[in-house]
Amino acid sequence: QLIQTLPVLVIAMLFIQVMFPDVMLVGTIAAMANLIIFACFQNNRIGRDALTELPNRPTFFKALSRYKMKGLTSHIVLVHVCQLDKVNKRYGMSGGDTLLYNVARYLENLSSNYRVYRFGNTHFVMLGDFHSMTEAEAITSEIYDRFSKPWVVSSEKRTQQVQLIHLKCESEENDENTLIEKLDYMLTYSKDKNESMRM
């Protein structure tokens, strides 16, 4: 609300300055402009994960709500990097952090149709427009293929296990609570069955 209100105040003060040149508001206008820039910068930082530099979980749900408002069908891919504790134990916390950062960069550059979010400690979510199940399957297959190859951690190559879940989300289903329930169920199911699933 502050970010939305300040530009209006600056424009109003500029109008007053033009109409009444004797009233010195230049310094105040400059201060307000700096405040707007600072507020925008802070707002951007709040919406991002510090480690991976990706948008965070609350930002994901805001993006999802826009799909609901527009009546669009979305495609959601949940990527769970498994057994990170083993990576941390072998290579230290910095090794685990490096792995997560590299996974984030890979997912971020995978497709221009998707935006990637840090959903949890070892979870990433990709959100994009749903076009067809063939296209949806193709991107998940590509992620599987990448995780079948080694990742470099502390100058060593290691194969990293991953759980991959994806689902077509109709506009009326783009609801935070409904989605969390679905993802939690699917994660639990795939852990128990030691397999990935699609819903």
Protein backbone atom coordinates (compact mmCIF):
# COMPACT_ATOMS: atom_id res chain seq x y z
CA GLN A 1 0.00 0.00 0.00
CA LEU A 2 2.86 2.37 0.78
CA ILE A 3 4.42 1.75 -2.65
CA GLN A 4 1.06 2.42 -4.33
CA THR A 5 0.41 5.63 -2.36
CA LEU A 6 3.81 7.34 -2.61
CA PRO A 7 3.86 7.86 -6.42
CA VAL A 8 0.47 9.59 -6.18
CA LEU A 9 1.83 11.92 -3.48
CA VAL A 10 4.92 12.71 -5.58
CA ILE A 11 2.77 13.57 -8.61
CA ALA A 12 0.54 15.76 -6.43
CA MET A 13 3.57 17.61 -5.05
CA LEU A 14 4.97 18.09 -8.55
CA PHE A 15 1.65 19.60 -9.60
CA ILE A 16 1.69 21.94 -6.60
CA GLN A 17 5.30 22.91 -7.37
CA VAL A 18 4.37 23.81 -10.97
CA MET A 19 1.26 25.73 -9.93
CA PHE A 20 2.99 27.53 -7.06
CA PRO A 21 6.69 28.03 -7.92
CA ASP A 22 7.26 30.00 -4.72
CA VAL A 23 6.59 26.91 -2.63
CA MET A 24 9.86 24.99 -2.44
CA LEU A 25 9.07 21.27 -2.60
CA VAL A 26 12.03 20.05 -4.65
CA GLY A 27 13.85 18.52 -1.67
CA THR A 28 10.70 16.82 -0.42
CA ILE A 29 9.95 15.39 -3.88
CA ALA A 30 13.49 14.03 -4.16
CA ALA A 31 13.24 12.45 -0.70
CA MET A 32 9.92 10.84 -1.61
CA ALA A 33 11.36 9.49 -4.87
CA ASN A 34 14.27 7.93 -2.95
CA LEU A 35 11.80 6.41 -0.50
CA ILE A 36 9.86 4.83 -3.37
CA ILE A 37 13.06 3.29 -4.79
CA PHE A 38 14.06 1.97 -1.36
CA ALA A 39 10.58 0.54 -0.71
CA CYS A 40 10.55 -1.23 -4.09
CA PHE A 41 14.01 -2.67 -3.42
CA GLN A 42 12.98 -3.93 0.02
CA ASN A 43 9.76 -5.39 -1.35
CA ASN A 44 11.74 -7.29 -3.99
CA ARG A 45 14.11 -8.68 -1.33
CA ILE A 46 11.22 -9.80 0.89
CA GLY A 47 9.76 -11.76 -2.02
CA ARG A 48 13.00 -13.65 -2.76
CA ASP A 49 14.90 -16.52 -1.22
CA ALA A 50 18.33 -15.39 -0.01
CA LEU A 51 20.24 -18.56 -0.95
CA THR A 52 18.92 -19.36 -4.43
CA GLU A 53 17.82 -15.82 -5.40
CA LEU A 54 14.52 -17.30 -6.57
CA PRO A 55 11.07 -15.94 -5.70
CA ASN A 56 9.83 -17.56 -2.49
CA ARG A 57 6.73 -19.52 -1.43
CA PRO A 58 4.44 -16.50 -0.71
CA THR A 59 5.37 -15.05 -4.11
CA PHE A 60 4.41 -18.36 -5.73
CA PHE A 61 0.94 -18.26 -4.20
CA LYS A 62 0.48 -14.67 -5.37
CA ALA A 63 1.35 -15.76 -8.91
CA LEU A 64 -1.03 -18.71 -8.62
CA SER A 65 -3.87 -16.42 -7.53
CA ARG A 66 -3.39 -14.41 -10.73
CA TYR A 67 -4.04 -17.58 -12.73
CA LYS A 68 -7.27 -18.03 -10.78
CA MET A 69 -8.32 -14.42 -11.36
CA LYS A 70 -7.72 -14.74 -15.12
CA GLY A 71 -9.41 -18.14 -15.33
CA LEU A 72 -6.28 -19.81 -16.71
CA THR A 73 -5.14 -23.41 -16.36
CA SER A 74 -1.63 -23.78 -14.95
CA HIS A 75 0.96 -26.53 -14.93
CA ILE A 76 2.83 -27.05 -11.66
CA VAL A 77 6.00 -29.10 -11.27
CA LEU A 78 7.25 -29.88 -7.77
CA VAL A 79 10.93 -30.84 -7.60
CA HIS A 80 12.11 -32.39 -4.34
CA VAL A 81 15.89 -32.68 -3.94
CA CYS A 82 16.15 -35.79 -1.77
CA GLN A 83 18.59 -36.66 1.02
CA LEU A 84 20.17 -33.23 1.25
CA ASP A 85 21.26 -34.14 4.78
CA LYS A 86 23.67 -36.70 3.29
CA VAL A 87 25.15 -34.02 1.03
CA ASN A 88 25.56 -31.69 4.02
CA LYS A 89 27.15 -34.47 6.08
CA ARG A 90 29.69 -35.33 3.38
CA TYR A 91 30.49 -31.89 1.98
CA GLY A 92 29.35 -29.51 4.73
CA MET A 93 26.53 -26.98 4.62
CA SER A 94 28.27 -25.03 1.89
CA GLY A 95 28.18 -28.14 -0.32
CA GLY A 96 24.45 -28.53 0.18
CA ASP A 97 23.90 -24.84 -0.47
CA THR A 98 25.92 -25.04 -3.68
CA LEU A 99 23.86 -28.00 -4.88
CA LEU A 100 20.58 -26.17 -4.22
CA TYR A 101 21.89 -23.04 -5.95
CA ASN A 102 22.94 -25.05 -9.02
CA VAL A 103 19.60 -26.85 -9.17
CA ALA A 104 17.85 -23.48 -8.95
CA ARG A 105 19.88 -22.11 -11.87
CA TYR A 106 19.20 -25.22 -13.97
CA LEU A 107 15.44 -25.07 -13.40
CA GLU A 108 15.36 -21.31 -13.95
CA ASN A 109 16.97 -21.65 -17.39
CA LEU A 110 15.00 -24.72 -18.44
CA SER A 111 11.99 -23.06 -20.08
CA SER A 112 10.79 -19.50 -20.67
CA ASN A 113 7.21 -20.73 -20.14
CA TYR A 114 7.86 -21.44 -16.46
CA ARG A 115 8.85 -19.40 -13.45
CA VAL A 116 10.70 -21.18 -10.64
CA TYR A 117 10.14 -20.66 -6.89
CA ARG A 118 11.87 -21.93 -3.74
CA PHE A 119 8.90 -23.67 -2.14
CA GLY A 120 10.64 -25.19 0.87
CA ASN A 121 14.04 -26.20 2.19
CA THR A 122 14.57 -28.92 -0.45
CA HIS A 123 11.59 -28.17 -2.69
CA PHE A 124 11.29 -26.09 -5.83
CA VAL A 125 8.10 -25.34 -7.73
CA MET A 126 7.81 -24.49 -11.41
CA LEU A 127 4.68 -22.64 -12.51
CA GLY A 128 3.67 -22.12 -16.11
CA ASP A 129 0.78 -22.09 -18.58
CA PHE A 130 -0.72 -25.48 -19.35
CA HIS A 131 -0.81 -26.11 -23.11
CA SER A 132 -0.96 -29.90 -23.44
CA MET A 133 -0.13 -33.01 -21.44
CA THR A 134 2.48 -33.89 -24.06
CA GLU A 135 4.34 -30.63 -23.37
CA ALA A 136 3.92 -31.11 -19.62
CA GLU A 137 5.35 -34.63 -19.80
CA ALA A 138 8.22 -33.42 -21.96
CA ILE A 139 9.53 -30.90 -19.41
CA THR A 140 9.27 -33.39 -16.53
CA SER A 141 11.14 -35.97 -18.61
CA GLU A 142 13.86 -33.42 -19.28
CA ILE A 143 14.26 -32.79 -15.54
CA TYR A 144 14.42 -36.55 -14.89
CA ASP A 145 17.12 -36.90 -17.53
CA ARG A 146 19.20 -34.13 -15.95
CA PHE A 147 19.01 -35.71 -12.51
CA SER A 148 20.15 -39.04 -13.93
CA LYS A 149 23.46 -37.32 -14.63
CA PRO A 150 26.00 -36.25 -11.97
CA TRP A 151 26.00 -32.88 -10.22
CA VAL A 152 29.30 -31.31 -9.18
CA VAL A 153 29.55 -30.70 -5.41
CA SER A 154 32.85 -29.53 -3.94
CA SER A 155 34.72 -30.63 -7.08
CA GLU A 156 33.22 -34.14 -6.85
CA LYS A 157 30.58 -35.60 -9.12
CA ARG A 158 27.57 -37.25 -7.46
CA THR A 159 24.22 -38.50 -8.68
CA GLN A 160 21.39 -36.78 -6.85
CA GLN A 161 18.06 -38.50 -6.18
CA VAL A 162 14.97 -36.43 -6.94
CA GLN A 163 11.22 -36.75 -6.51
CA LEU A 164 9.26 -35.15 -9.29
CA ILE A 165 5.52 -34.47 -9.19
CA HIS A 166 3.51 -32.47 -11.66
CA LEU A 167 -0.12 -31.62 -12.06
CA LYS A 168 -2.53 -29.75 -14.26
CA CYS A 169 -4.30 -27.14 -12.16
CA GLU A 170 -7.63 -25.80 -13.43
CA SER A 171 -8.42 -22.17 -12.63
CA GLU A 172 -10.94 -23.07 -9.91
CA GLU A 173 -8.30 -25.28 -8.28
CA ASN A 174 -5.73 -22.50 -8.08
CA ASP A 175 -6.31 -22.18 -4.36
CA GLU A 176 -3.52 -22.15 -1.78
CA ASN A 177 -5.04 -24.61 0.71
CA THR A 178 -6.26 -27.04 -1.96
CA LEU A 179 -2.88 -27.07 -3.67
CA ILE A 180 -0.93 -27.60 -0.43
CA GLU A 181 -3.17 -30.58 0.43
CA LYS A 182 -2.64 -32.07 -3.02
CA LEU A 183 1.13 -31.61 -2.99
CA ASP A 184 1.46 -32.97 0.57
CA TYR A 185 -0.60 -36.04 -0.33
CA MET A 186 1.36 -36.65 -3.52
CA LEU A 187 4.71 -36.26 -1.75
CA THR A 188 3.69 -38.68 1.00
CA TYR A 189 2.36 -41.18 -1.55
CA SER A 190 5.48 -41.03 -3.71
CA LYS A 191 7.72 -41.49 -0.64
CA ASP A 192 5.75 -44.53 0.49
CA LYS A 193 5.66 -46.07 -2.97
CA ASN A 194 9.20 -44.90 -3.83
CA GLU A 195 7.92 -43.51 -7.11
CA SER A 196 6.77 -40.29 -8.68
CA MET A 197 3.19 -39.65 -9.61
CA ARG A 198 1.11 -37.30 -11.69
CA MET A 199 -2.24 -35.85 -10.70
